[in-house]
Amino acid sequence: MYAIVEINGQQFKVEEGKKLFVHHIKDAETGKTVEFNRVLLVDNNGAVTVGAPTIDGAKVVVEVVNPLVKGDKVIVFKMKRRKDYRVKNGHRSQFTEVTVKSINA
C-alpha cells in the first residue's frame, strides 16, 4: 500500500516504514507525530483511489525522527565572459527527517 501526499508544496510517494526528508517543518520535535491531510492518491494492493484534488478523510501519519537536517551545500556561480562579472553564492537547504507510521484511507 502506498500513497501520494502533498507536504509543504511538494508531492511524495509514501509507504509505511519509509523515511523521508521533507522541507523543514516548524514546531517539529523529535518523537512528535504529524498528520498530513492532503492525500492525492492511494493504491491499496491494486485498488487505486484518485482524489479530486484530494481524498476526503484520508491522512498520512508520520513521526519526526530529526527535526533539523541540513542538506548538501549548493554553490551558485554566475559569470559573464569579458564583462568582469563574477558572483559566487551558496546555500544549504533545511529538511526534517520523518518516518511514515500509517496511511489511513
PDB file of N, CA and C in Angstrom:
ATOM      1  N   MET A   1       0.847  -1.176   0.000  1.00  0.00           N
ATOM      2  CA  MET A   1       0.000   0.000   0.000  1.00  0.00           C
ATOM      3  C   MET A   1       0.891   1.236   0.000  1.00  0.00           C
ATOM      4  N   TYR A   2       0.585   2.158  -0.893  1.00  0.00           N
ATOM      5  CA  TYR A   2       1.310   3.416  -0.914  1.00  0.00           C
ATOM      6  C   TYR A   2       0.347   4.554  -1.213  1.00  0.00           C
ATOM      7  N   ALA A   3       0.823   5.770  -0.985  1.00  0.00           N
ATOM      8  CA  ALA A   3       0.000   6.954  -1.222  1.00  0.00           C
ATOM      9  C   ALA A   3       0.889   8.073  -1.755  1.00  0.00           C
ATOM     10  N   ILE A   4       0.271   8.979  -2.492  1.00  0.00           N
ATOM     11  CA  ILE A   4       0.924  10.211  -2.923  1.00  0.00           C
ATOM     12  C   ILE A   4       0.348  11.322  -2.056  1.00  0.00           C
ATOM     13  N   VAL A   5       1.224  12.015  -1.320  1.00  0.00           N
ATOM     14  CA  VAL A   5       0.778  13.039  -0.381  1.00  0.00           C
ATOM     15  C   VAL A   5       1.540  14.329  -0.652  1.00  0.00           C
ATOM     16  N   GLU A   6       0.861  15.459  -0.440  1.00  0.00           N
ATOM     17  CA  GLU A   6       1.494  16.757  -0.619  1.00  0.00           C
ATOM     18  C   GLU A   6       1.916  17.302   0.734  1.00  0.00           C
ATOM     19  N   ILE A   7       3.216  17.566   0.874  1.00  0.00           N
ATOM     20  CA  ILE A   7       3.785  18.066   2.117  1.00  0.00           C
ATOM     21  C   ILE A   7       4.565  19.333   1.796  1.00  0.00           C
ATOM     22  N   ASN A   8       4.130  20.461   2.357  1.00  0.00           N
ATOM     23  CA  ASN A   8       4.796  21.752   2.160  1.00  0.00           C
ATOM     24  C   ASN A   8       5.018  22.075   0.683  1.00  0.00           C
ATOM     25  N   GLY A   9       4.017  21.798  -0.152  1.00  0.00           N
ATOM     26  CA  GLY A   9       4.098  22.161  -1.560  1.00  0.00           C
ATOM     27  C   GLY A   9       4.790  21.148  -2.443  1.00  0.00           C
ATOM     28  N   GLN A  10       5.291  20.043  -1.916  1.00  0.00           N
ATOM     29  CA  GLN A  10       5.930  19.005  -2.703  1.00  0.00           C
ATOM     30  C   GLN A  10       5.159  17.706  -2.558  1.00  0.00           C
ATOM     31  N   GLN A  11       5.161  16.906  -3.618  1.00  0.00           N
ATOM     32  CA  GLN A  11       4.473  15.626  -3.587  1.00  0.00           C
ATOM     33  C   GLN A  11       5.469  14.504  -3.326  1.00  0.00           C
ATOM     34  N   PHE A  12       5.087  13.576  -2.444  1.00  0.00           N
ATOM     35  CA  PHE A  12       5.939  12.455  -2.085  1.00  0.00           C
ATOM     36  C   PHE A  12       5.155  11.159  -2.195  1.00  0.00           C
ATOM     37  N   LYS A  13       5.834  10.110  -2.625  1.00  0.00           N
ATOM     38  CA  LYS A  13       5.262   8.768  -2.592  1.00  0.00           C
ATOM     39  C   LYS A  13       5.666   8.160  -1.252  1.00  0.00           C
ATOM     40  N   VAL A  14       4.668   7.799  -0.424  1.00  0.00           N
ATOM     41  CA  VAL A  14       4.955   7.302   0.917  1.00  0.00           C
ATOM     42  C   VAL A  14       4.447   5.873   1.067  1.00  0.00           C
ATOM     43  N   GLU A  15       5.217   5.085   1.812  1.00  0.00           N
ATOM     44  CA  GLU A  15       4.844   3.735   2.205  1.00  0.00           C
ATOM     45  C   GLU A  15       5.141   3.612   3.688  1.00  0.00           C
ATOM     46  N   GLU A  16       4.450   2.705   4.362  1.00  0.00           N
ATOM     47  CA  GLU A  16       4.656   2.543   5.795  1.00  0.00           C
ATOM     48  C   GLU A  16       6.082   2.077   6.066  1.00  0.00           C
ATOM     49  N   GLY A  17       6.712   2.725   7.041  1.00  0.00           N
ATOM     50  CA  GLY A  17       8.069   2.352   7.424  1.00  0.00           C
ATOM     51  C   GLY A  17       9.163   3.085   6.672  1.00  0.00           C
ATOM     52  N   LYS A  18       8.831   3.836   5.631  1.00  0.00           N
ATOM     53  CA  LYS A  18       9.843   4.543   4.841  1.00  0.00           C
ATOM     54  C   LYS A  18      10.239   5.841   5.521  1.00  0.00           C
ATOM     55  N   LYS A  19      11.495   6.265   5.302  1.00  0.00           N
ATOM     56  CA  LYS A  19      11.986   7.542   5.801  1.00  0.00           C
ATOM     57  C   LYS A  19      11.944   8.563   4.679  1.00  0.00           C
ATOM     58  N   LEU A  20      11.594   9.793   5.028  1.00  0.00           N
ATOM     59  CA  LEU A  20      11.525  10.888   4.060  1.00  0.00           C
ATOM     60  C   LEU A  20      12.279  12.088   4.601  1.00  0.00           C
ATOM     61  N   PHE A  21      12.832  12.872   3.693  1.00  0.00           N
ATOM     62  CA  PHE A  21      13.398  14.169   4.038  1.00  0.00           C
ATOM     63  C   PHE A  21      12.509  15.207   3.376  1.00  0.00           C
ATOM     64  N   VAL A  22      11.709  15.910   4.181  1.00  0.00           N
ATOM     65  CA  VAL A  22      10.775  16.922   3.676  1.00  0.00           C
ATOM     66  C   VAL A  22      11.303  18.293   4.058  1.00  0.00           C
ATOM     67  N   HIS A  23      10.781  19.332   3.389  1.00  0.00           N
ATOM     68  CA  HIS A  23      11.174  20.682   3.750  1.00  0.00           C
ATOM     69  C   HIS A  23      10.900  20.911   5.227  1.00  0.00           C
ATOM     70  N   HIS A  24      11.688  21.768   5.829  1.00  0.00           N
ATOM     71  CA  HIS A  24      11.654  21.982   7.279  1.00  0.00           C
ATOM     72  C   HIS A  24      10.236  22.266   7.780  1.00  0.00           C
ATOM     73  N   ILE A  25       9.816  21.507   8.790  1.00  0.00           N
ATOM     74  CA  ILE A  25       8.507  21.673   9.415  1.00  0.00           C
ATOM     75  C   ILE A  25       8.715  22.459  10.709  1.00  0.00           C
ATOM     76  N   LYS A  26       8.061  23.613  10.809  1.00  0.00           N
ATOM     77  CA  LYS A  26       8.190  24.419  12.024  1.00  0.00           C
ATOM     78  C   LYS A  26       7.506  23.705  13.185  1.00  0.00           C
ATOM     79  N   ASP A  27       7.992  23.947  14.374  1.00  0.00           N
ATOM     80  CA  ASP A  27       7.454  23.369  15.616  1.00  0.00           C
ATOM     81  C   ASP A  27       7.528  21.853  15.636  1.00  0.00           C
ATOM     82  N   ALA A  28       8.453  21.264  14.896  1.00  0.00           N
ATOM     83  CA  ALA A  28       8.621  19.809  14.914  1.00  0.00           C
ATOM     84  C   ALA A  28       9.618  19.443  16.006  1.00  0.00           C
ATOM     85  N   GLU A  29       9.291  18.413  16.778  1.00  0.00           N
ATOM     86  CA  GLU A  29      10.164  17.928  17.828  1.00  0.00           C
ATOM     87  C   GLU A  29      10.385  16.433  17.631  1.00  0.00           C
ATOM     88  N   THR A  30      11.504  15.940  18.096  1.00  0.00           N
ATOM     89  CA  THR A  30      11.825  14.528  17.962  1.00  0.00           C
ATOM     90  C   THR A  30      10.784  13.679  18.684  1.00  0.00           C
ATOM     91  N   GLY A  31      10.260  12.660  17.991  1.00  0.00           N
ATOM     92  CA  GLY A  31       9.264  11.773  18.572  1.00  0.00           C
ATOM     93  C   GLY A  31       7.832  12.237  18.410  1.00  0.00           C
ATOM     94  N   LYS A  32       7.626  13.457  17.960  1.00  0.00           N
ATOM     95  CA  LYS A  32       6.275  14.002  17.792  1.00  0.00           C
ATOM     96  C   LYS A  32       5.648  13.441  16.513  1.00  0.00           C
ATOM     97  N   THR A  33       4.338  13.190  16.540  1.00  0.00           N
ATOM     98  CA  THR A  33       3.651  12.715  15.346  1.00  0.00           C
ATOM     99  C   THR A  33       2.973  13.882  14.642  1.00  0.00           C
ATOM    100  N   VAL A  34       2.991  13.841  13.311  1.00  0.00           N
ATOM    101  CA  VAL A  34       2.398  14.883  12.492  1.00  0.00           C
ATOM    102  C   VAL A  34       1.479  14.203  11.481  1.00  0.00           C
ATOM    103  N   GLU A  35       0.307  14.812  11.235  1.00  0.00           N
ATOM    104  CA  GLU A  35      -0.648  14.271  10.266  1.00  0.00           C
ATOM    105  C   GLU A  35      -0.710  15.184   9.048  1.00  0.00           C
ATOM    106  N   PHE A  36      -0.762  14.567   7.865  1.00  0.00           N
ATOM    107  CA  PHE A  36      -0.916  15.301   6.618  1.00  0.00           C
ATOM    108  C   PHE A  36      -2.220  14.857   5.957  1.00  0.00           C
ATOM    109  N   ASN A  37      -3.094  15.821   5.655  1.00  0.00           N
ATOM    110  CA  ASN A  37      -4.420  15.513   5.131  1.00  0.00           C
ATOM    111  C   ASN A  37      -4.525  15.632   3.618  1.00  0.00           C
ATOM    112  N   ARG A  38      -3.531  16.212   2.969  1.00  0.00           N
ATOM    113  CA  ARG A  38      -3.603  16.403   1.518  1.00  0.00           C
ATOM    114  C   ARG A  38      -3.095  15.148   0.802  1.00  0.00           C
ATOM    115  N   VAL A  39      -3.915  14.090   0.828  1.00  0.00           N
ATOM    116  CA  VAL A  39      -3.600  12.827   0.158  1.00  0.00           C
ATOM    117  C   VAL A  39      -4.218  12.876  -1.233  1.00  0.00           C
ATOM    118  N   LEU A  40      -3.377  12.730  -2.255  1.00  0.00           N
ATOM    119  CA  LEU A  40      -3.834  12.873  -3.635  1.00  0.00           C
ATOM    120  C   LEU A  40      -4.204  11.539  -4.268  1.00  0.00           C
ATOM    121  N   LEU A  41      -3.536  10.451  -3.854  1.00  0.00           N
ATOM    122  CA  LEU A  41      -3.775   9.140  -4.465  1.00  0.00           C
ATOM    123  C   LEU A  41      -3.448   8.065  -3.447  1.00  0.00           C
ATOM    124  N   VAL A  42      -4.227   6.986  -3.450  1.00  0.00           N
ATOM    125  CA  VAL A  42      -3.970   5.831  -2.591  1.00  0.00           C
ATOM    126  C   VAL A  42      -4.069   4.575  -3.439  1.00  0.00           C
ATOM    127  N   ASP A  43      -3.040   3.711  -3.343  1.00  0.00           N
ATOM    128  CA  ASP A  43      -3.052   2.417  -4.022  1.00  0.00           C
ATOM    129  C   ASP A  43      -3.050   1.347  -2.946  1.00  0.00           C
ATOM    130  N   ASN A  44      -4.160   0.631  -2.819  1.00  0.00           N
ATOM    131  CA  ASN A  44      -4.301  -0.420  -1.821  1.00  0.00           C
ATOM    132  C   ASN A  44      -4.323  -1.761  -2.532  1.00  0.00           C
ATOM    133  N   ASN A  45      -3.140  -2.315  -2.792  1.00  0.00           N
ATOM    134  CA  ASN A  45      -2.976  -3.609  -3.470  1.00  0.00           C
ATOM    135  C   ASN A  45      -3.719  -3.662  -4.803  1.00  0.00           C
ATOM    136  N   GLY A  46      -3.544  -2.646  -5.622  1.00  0.00           N
ATOM    137  CA  GLY A  46      -4.154  -2.623  -6.949  1.00  0.00           C
ATOM    138  C   GLY A  46      -5.429  -1.815  -7.042  1.00  0.00           C
ATOM    139  N   ALA A  47      -6.081  -1.534  -5.911  1.00  0.00           N
ATOM    140  CA  ALA A  47      -7.287  -0.709  -5.916  1.00  0.00           C
ATOM    141  C   ALA A  47      -6.861   0.746  -5.761  1.00  0.00           C
ATOM    142  N   VAL A  48      -6.855   1.473  -6.879  1.00  0.00           N
ATOM    143  CA  VAL A  48      -6.366   2.841  -6.885  1.00  0.00           C
ATOM    144  C   VAL A  48      -7.523   3.808  -6.669  1.00  0.00           C
ATOM    145  N   THR A  49      -7.342   4.735  -5.726  1.00  0.00           N
ATOM    146  CA  THR A  49      -8.311   5.794  -5.470  1.00  0.00           C
ATOM    147  C   THR A  49      -7.629   7.119  -5.742  1.00  0.00           C
ATOM    148  N   VAL A  50      -8.215   7.905  -6.649  1.00  0.00           N
ATOM    149  CA  VAL A  50      -7.644   9.200  -7.009  1.00  0.00           C
ATOM    150  C   VAL A  50      -8.565  10.294  -6.500  1.00  0.00           C
ATOM    151  N   GLY A  51      -8.005  11.301  -5.864  1.00  0.00           N
ATOM    152  CA  GLY A  51      -8.788  12.406  -5.340  1.00  0.00           C
ATOM    153  C   GLY A  51      -9.002  13.481  -6.370  1.00  0.00           C
ATOM    154  N   ALA A  52      -9.956  14.360  -6.084  1.00  0.00           N
ATOM    155  CA  ALA A  52     -10.240  15.467  -6.991  1.00  0.00           C
ATOM    156  C   ALA A  52     -10.354  16.748  -6.191  1.00  0.00           C
ATOM    157  N   PRO A  53      -9.348  17.451  -5.783  1.00  0.00           N
ATOM    158  CA  PRO A  53      -7.923  17.115  -5.889  1.00  0.00           C
ATOM    159  C   PRO A  53      -7.419  16.220  -4.762  1.00  0.00           C
ATOM    160  N   THR A  54      -8.141  16.133  -3.624  1.00  0.00           N
ATOM    161  CA  THR A  54      -7.683  15.272  -2.529  1.00  0.00           C
ATOM    162  C   THR A  54      -8.761  14.254  -2.176  1.00  0.00           C
ATOM    163  N   ILE A  55      -8.368  13.249  -1.416  1.00  0.00           N
ATOM    164  CA  ILE A  55      -9.291  12.210  -0.963  1.00  0.00           C
ATOM    165  C   ILE A  55      -9.838  12.621   0.399  1.00  0.00           C
ATOM    166  N   ASP A  56     -11.169  12.648   0.522  1.00  0.00           N
ATOM    167  CA  ASP A  56     -11.800  13.050   1.779  1.00  0.00           C
ATOM    168  C   ASP A  56     -11.566  11.994   2.850  1.00  0.00           C
ATOM    169  N   GLY A  57     -11.151  12.432   4.026  1.00  0.00           N
ATOM    170  CA  GLY A  57     -10.970  11.532   5.162  1.00  0.00           C
ATOM    171  C   GLY A  57      -9.663  10.780   5.180  1.00  0.00           C
ATOM    172  N   ALA A  58      -8.854  10.909   4.151  1.00  0.00           N
ATOM    173  CA  ALA A  58      -7.575  10.202   4.110  1.00  0.00           C
ATOM    174  C   ALA A  58      -6.498  11.049   4.772  1.00  0.00           C
ATOM    175  N   LYS A  59      -5.581  10.376   5.467  1.00  0.00           N
ATOM    176  CA  LYS A  59      -4.477  11.095   6.081  1.00  0.00           C
ATOM    177  C   LYS A  59      -3.273  10.168   6.214  1.00  0.00           C
ATOM    178  N   VAL A  60      -2.114  10.794   6.307  1.00  0.00           N
ATOM    179  CA  VAL A  60      -0.861  10.074   6.499  1.00  0.00           C
ATOM    180  C   VAL A  60      -0.264  10.547   7.816  1.00  0.00           C
ATOM    181  N   VAL A  61       0.072   9.593   8.686  1.00  0.00           N
ATOM    182  CA  VAL A  61       0.638   9.908   9.995  1.00  0.00           C
ATOM    183  C   VAL A  61       2.128   9.588   9.954  1.00  0.00           C
ATOM    184  N   VAL A  62       2.949  10.589  10.307  1.00  0.00           N
ATOM    185  CA  VAL A  62       4.400  10.405  10.319  1.00  0.00           C
ATOM    186  C   VAL A  62       4.942  10.772  11.697  1.00  0.00           C
ATOM    187  N   GLU A  63       6.109  10.226  12.018  1.00  0.00           N
ATOM    188  CA  GLU A  63       6.792  10.545  13.261  1.00  0.00           C
ATOM    189  C   GLU A  63       8.093  11.260  12.919  1.00  0.00           C
ATOM    190  N   VAL A  64       8.378  12.345  13.625  1.00  0.00           N
ATOM    191  CA  VAL A  64       9.586  13.127  13.376  1.00  0.00           C
ATOM    192  C   VAL A  64      10.782  12.409  13.992  1.00  0.00           C
ATOM    193  N   VAL A  65      11.773  12.095  13.151  1.00  0.00           N
ATOM    194  CA  VAL A  65      12.994  11.442  13.631  1.00  0.00           C
ATOM    195  C   VAL A  65      14.035  12.489  13.993  1.00  0.00           C
ATOM    196  N   ASN A  66      14.240  13.462  13.093  1.00  0.00           N
ATOM    197  CA  ASN A  66      15.212  14.526  13.324  1.00  0.00           C
ATOM    198  C   ASN A  66      14.598  15.825  12.820  1.00  0.00           C
ATOM    199  N   PRO A  67      14.353  16.801  13.682  1.00  0.00           N
ATOM    200  CA  PRO A  67      13.632  17.998  13.252  1.00  0.00           C
ATOM    201  C   PRO A  67      14.414  18.927  12.344  1.00  0.00           C
ATOM    202  N   LEU A  68      15.740  18.878  12.371  1.00  0.00           N
ATOM    203  CA  LEU A  68      16.518  19.777  11.527  1.00  0.00           C
ATOM    204  C   LEU A  68      17.731  19.051  10.959  1.00  0.00           C
ATOM    205  N   VAL A  69      17.706  18.832   9.646  1.00  0.00           N
ATOM    206  CA  VAL A  69      18.813  18.215   8.934  1.00  0.00           C
ATOM    207  C   VAL A  69      19.223  19.183   7.843  1.00  0.00           C
ATOM    208  N   LYS A  70      20.508  19.477   7.754  1.00  0.00           N
ATOM    209  CA  LYS A  70      20.991  20.372   6.708  1.00  0.00           C
ATOM    210  C   LYS A  70      21.351  19.550   5.483  1.00  0.00           C
ATOM    211  N   GLY A  71      20.919  20.044   4.322  1.00  0.00           N
ATOM    212  CA  GLY A  71      21.212  19.363   3.075  1.00  0.00           C
ATOM    213  C   GLY A  71      22.619  19.656   2.602  1.00  0.00           C
ATOM    214  N   ASP A  72      22.942  19.144   1.425  1.00  0.00           N
ATOM    215  CA  ASP A  72      24.252  19.373   0.853  1.00  0.00           C
ATOM    216  C   ASP A  72      24.409  20.831   0.456  1.00  0.00           C
ATOM    217  N   LYS A  73      25.647  21.297   0.460  1.00  0.00           N
ATOM    218  CA  LYS A  73      25.935  22.672   0.080  1.00  0.00           C
ATOM    219  C   LYS A  73      25.793  22.810  -1.437  1.00  0.00           C
ATOM    220  N   VAL A  74      25.080  23.843  -1.853  1.00  0.00           N
ATOM    221  CA  VAL A  74      24.868  24.118  -3.269  1.00  0.00           C
ATOM    222  C   VAL A  74      25.571  25.432  -3.591  1.00  0.00           C
ATOM    223  N   ILE A  75      26.464  25.404  -4.571  1.00  0.00           N
ATOM    224  CA  ILE A  75      27.197  26.596  -4.986  1.00  0.00           C
ATOM    225  C   ILE A  75      26.527  27.166  -6.232  1.00  0.00           C
ATOM    226  N   VAL A  76      26.229  28.466  -6.201  1.00  0.00           N
ATOM    227  CA  VAL A  76      25.639  29.160  -7.348  1.00  0.00           C
ATOM    228  C   VAL A  76      26.684  30.153  -7.843  1.00  0.00           C
ATOM    229  N   PHE A  77      27.202  29.933  -9.049  1.00  0.00           N
ATOM    230  CA  PHE A  77      28.249  30.786  -9.607  1.00  0.00           C
ATOM    231  C   PHE A  77      27.770  31.360 -10.925  1.00  0.00           C
ATOM    232  N   LYS A  78      27.742  32.684 -11.004  1.00  0.00           N
ATOM    233  CA  LYS A  78      27.315  33.367 -12.220  1.00  0.00           C
ATOM    234  C   LYS A  78      28.500  34.112 -12.797  1.00  0.00           C
ATOM    235  N   MET A  79      28.637  34.048 -14.134  1.00  0.00           N
ATOM    236  CA  MET A  79      29.753  34.722 -14.778  1.00  0.00           C
ATOM    237  C   MET A  79      29.359  35.130 -16.189  1.00  0.00           C
ATOM    238  N   LYS A  80      29.776  36.325 -16.574  1.00  0.00           N
ATOM    239  CA  LYS A  80      29.603  36.774 -17.952  1.00  0.00           C
ATOM    240  C   LYS A  80      30.987  37.049 -18.503  1.00  0.00           C
ATOM    241  N   ARG A  81      31.339  36.357 -19.527  1.00  0.00           N
ATOM    242  CA  ARG A  81      32.701  36.470 -20.035  1.00  0.00           C
ATOM    243  C   ARG A  81      32.970  37.851 -20.631  1.00  0.00           C
ATOM    244  N   ARG A  82      34.179  38.287 -20.442  1.00  0.00           N
ATOM    245  CA  ARG A  82      34.689  39.562 -20.958  1.00  0.00           C
ATOM    246  C   ARG A  82      33.981  40.778 -20.369  1.00  0.00           C
ATOM    247  N   LYS A  83      33.198  40.626 -19.322  1.00  0.00           N
ATOM    248  CA  LYS A  83      32.465  41.747 -18.726  1.00  0.00           C
ATOM    249  C   LYS A  83      32.888  42.006 -17.279  1.00  0.00           C
ATOM    250  N   ASP A  84      33.854  41.268 -16.783  1.00  0.00           N
ATOM    251  CA  ASP A  84      34.337  41.405 -15.409  1.00  0.00           C
ATOM    252  C   ASP A  84      33.190  41.238 -14.406  1.00  0.00           C
ATOM    253  N   TYR A  85      32.334  40.233 -14.648  1.00  0.00           N
ATOM    254  CA  TYR A  85      31.188  39.976 -13.787  1.00  0.00           C
ATOM    255  C   TYR A  85      31.285  38.552 -13.258  1.00  0.00           C
ATOM    256  N   ARG A  86      31.472  38.425 -11.961  1.00  0.00           N
ATOM    257  CA  ARG A  86      31.502  37.116 -11.311  1.00  0.00           C
ATOM    258  C   ARG A  86      30.821  37.246  -9.959  1.00  0.00           C
ATOM    259  N   VAL A  87      29.861  36.378  -9.688  1.00  0.00           N
ATOM    260  CA  VAL A  87      29.151  36.356  -8.404  1.00  0.00           C
ATOM    261  C   VAL A  87      29.105  34.915  -7.925  1.00  0.00           C
ATOM    262  N   LYS A  88      29.532  34.707  -6.685  1.00  0.00           N
ATOM    263  CA  LYS A  88      29.512  33.366  -6.106  1.00  0.00           C
ATOM    264  C   LYS A  88      28.655  33.390  -4.851  1.00  0.00           C
ATOM    265  N   ASN A  89      27.600  32.615  -4.844  1.00  0.00           N
ATOM    266  CA  ASN A  89      26.714  32.462  -3.691  1.00  0.00           C
ATOM    267  C   ASN A  89      26.518  30.984  -3.421  1.00  0.00           C
ATOM    268  N   GLY A  90      25.983  30.682  -2.273  1.00  0.00           N
ATOM    269  CA  GLY A  90      25.695  29.294  -1.952  1.00  0.00           C
ATOM    270  C   GLY A  90      24.663  29.211  -0.841  1.00  0.00           C
ATOM    271  N   HIS A  91      24.122  28.012  -0.637  1.00  0.00           N
ATOM    272  CA  HIS A  91      23.152  27.813   0.437  1.00  0.00           C
ATOM    273  C   HIS A  91      23.077  26.337   0.787  1.00  0.00           C
ATOM    274  N   ARG A  92      22.527  26.061   1.955  1.00  0.00           N
ATOM    275  CA  ARG A  92      22.236  24.698   2.396  1.00  0.00           C
ATOM    276  C   ARG A  92      20.777  24.667   2.811  1.00  0.00           C
ATOM    277  N   SER A  93      19.995  23.835   2.163  1.00  0.00           N
ATOM    278  CA  SER A  93      18.575  23.725   2.491  1.00  0.00           C
ATOM    279  C   SER A  93      18.398  22.998   3.825  1.00  0.00           C
ATOM    280  N   GLN A  94      17.297  23.316   4.510  1.00  0.00           N
ATOM    281  CA  GLN A  94      16.996  22.679   5.785  1.00  0.00           C
ATOM    282  C   GLN A  94      15.832  21.715   5.601  1.00  0.00           C
ATOM    283  N   PHE A  95      15.995  20.503   6.131  1.00  0.00           N
ATOM    284  CA  PHE A  95      14.989  19.455   5.994  1.00  0.00           C
ATOM    285  C   PHE A  95      14.603  18.917   7.358  1.00  0.00           C
ATOM    286  N   THR A  96      13.487  18.180   7.389  1.00  0.00           N
ATOM    287  CA  THR A  96      13.057  17.432   8.559  1.00  0.00           C
ATOM    288  C   THR A  96      12.969  15.973   8.152  1.00  0.00           C
ATOM    289  N   GLU A  97      13.593  15.096   8.938  1.00  0.00           N
ATOM    290  CA  GLU A  97      13.566  13.667   8.645  1.00  0.00           C
ATOM    291  C   GLU A  97      12.369  13.041   9.360  1.00  0.00           C
ATOM    292  N   VAL A  98      11.505  12.364   8.601  1.00  0.00           N
ATOM    293  CA  VAL A  98      10.312  11.748   9.175  1.00  0.00           C
ATOM    294  C   VAL A  98      10.228  10.293   8.746  1.00  0.00           C
ATOM    295  N   THR A  99       9.526   9.498   9.549  1.00  0.00           N
ATOM    296  CA  THR A  99       9.232   8.101   9.234  1.00  0.00           C
ATOM    297  C   THR A  99       7.733   7.920   9.154  1.00  0.00           C
ATOM    298  N   VAL A 100       7.249   7.259   8.106  1.00  0.00           N
ATOM    299  CA  VAL A 100       5.816   7.070   7.900  1.00  0.00           C
ATOM    300  C   VAL A 100       5.325   5.957   8.819  1.00  0.00           C
ATOM    301  N   LYS A 101       4.354   6.282   9.667  1.00  0.00           N
ATOM    302  CA  LYS A 101       3.790   5.315  10.594  1.00  0.00           C
ATOM    303  C   LYS A 101       2.580   4.602  10.019  1.00  0.00           C
ATOM    304  N   SER A 102       1.632   5.364   9.437  1.00  0.00           N
ATOM    305  CA  SER A 102       0.429   4.724   8.906  1.00  0.00           C
ATOM    306  C   SER A 102      -0.183   5.569   7.814  1.00  0.00           C
ATOM    307  N   ILE A 103      -0.900   4.883   6.944  1.00  0.00           N
ATOM    308  CA  ILE A 103      -1.676   5.528   5.879  1.00  0.00           C
ATOM    309  C   ILE A 103      -3.128   5.157   6.126  1.00  0.00           C
ATOM    310  N   ASN A 104      -3.969   6.137   6.440  1.00  0.00           N
ATOM    311  CA  ASN A 104      -5.382   5.896   6.717  1.00  0.00           C
ATOM    312  C   ASN A 104      -6.198   6.410   5.559  1.00  0.00           C
ATOM    313  N   ALA A 105      -6.870   5.491   4.848  1.00  0.00           N
ATOM    314  CA  ALA A 105      -7.660   5.904   3.693  1.00  0.00           C
ATOM    315  C   ALA A 105      -9.050   5.273   3.771  1.00  0.00           C
TER     316      ALA A 105
END
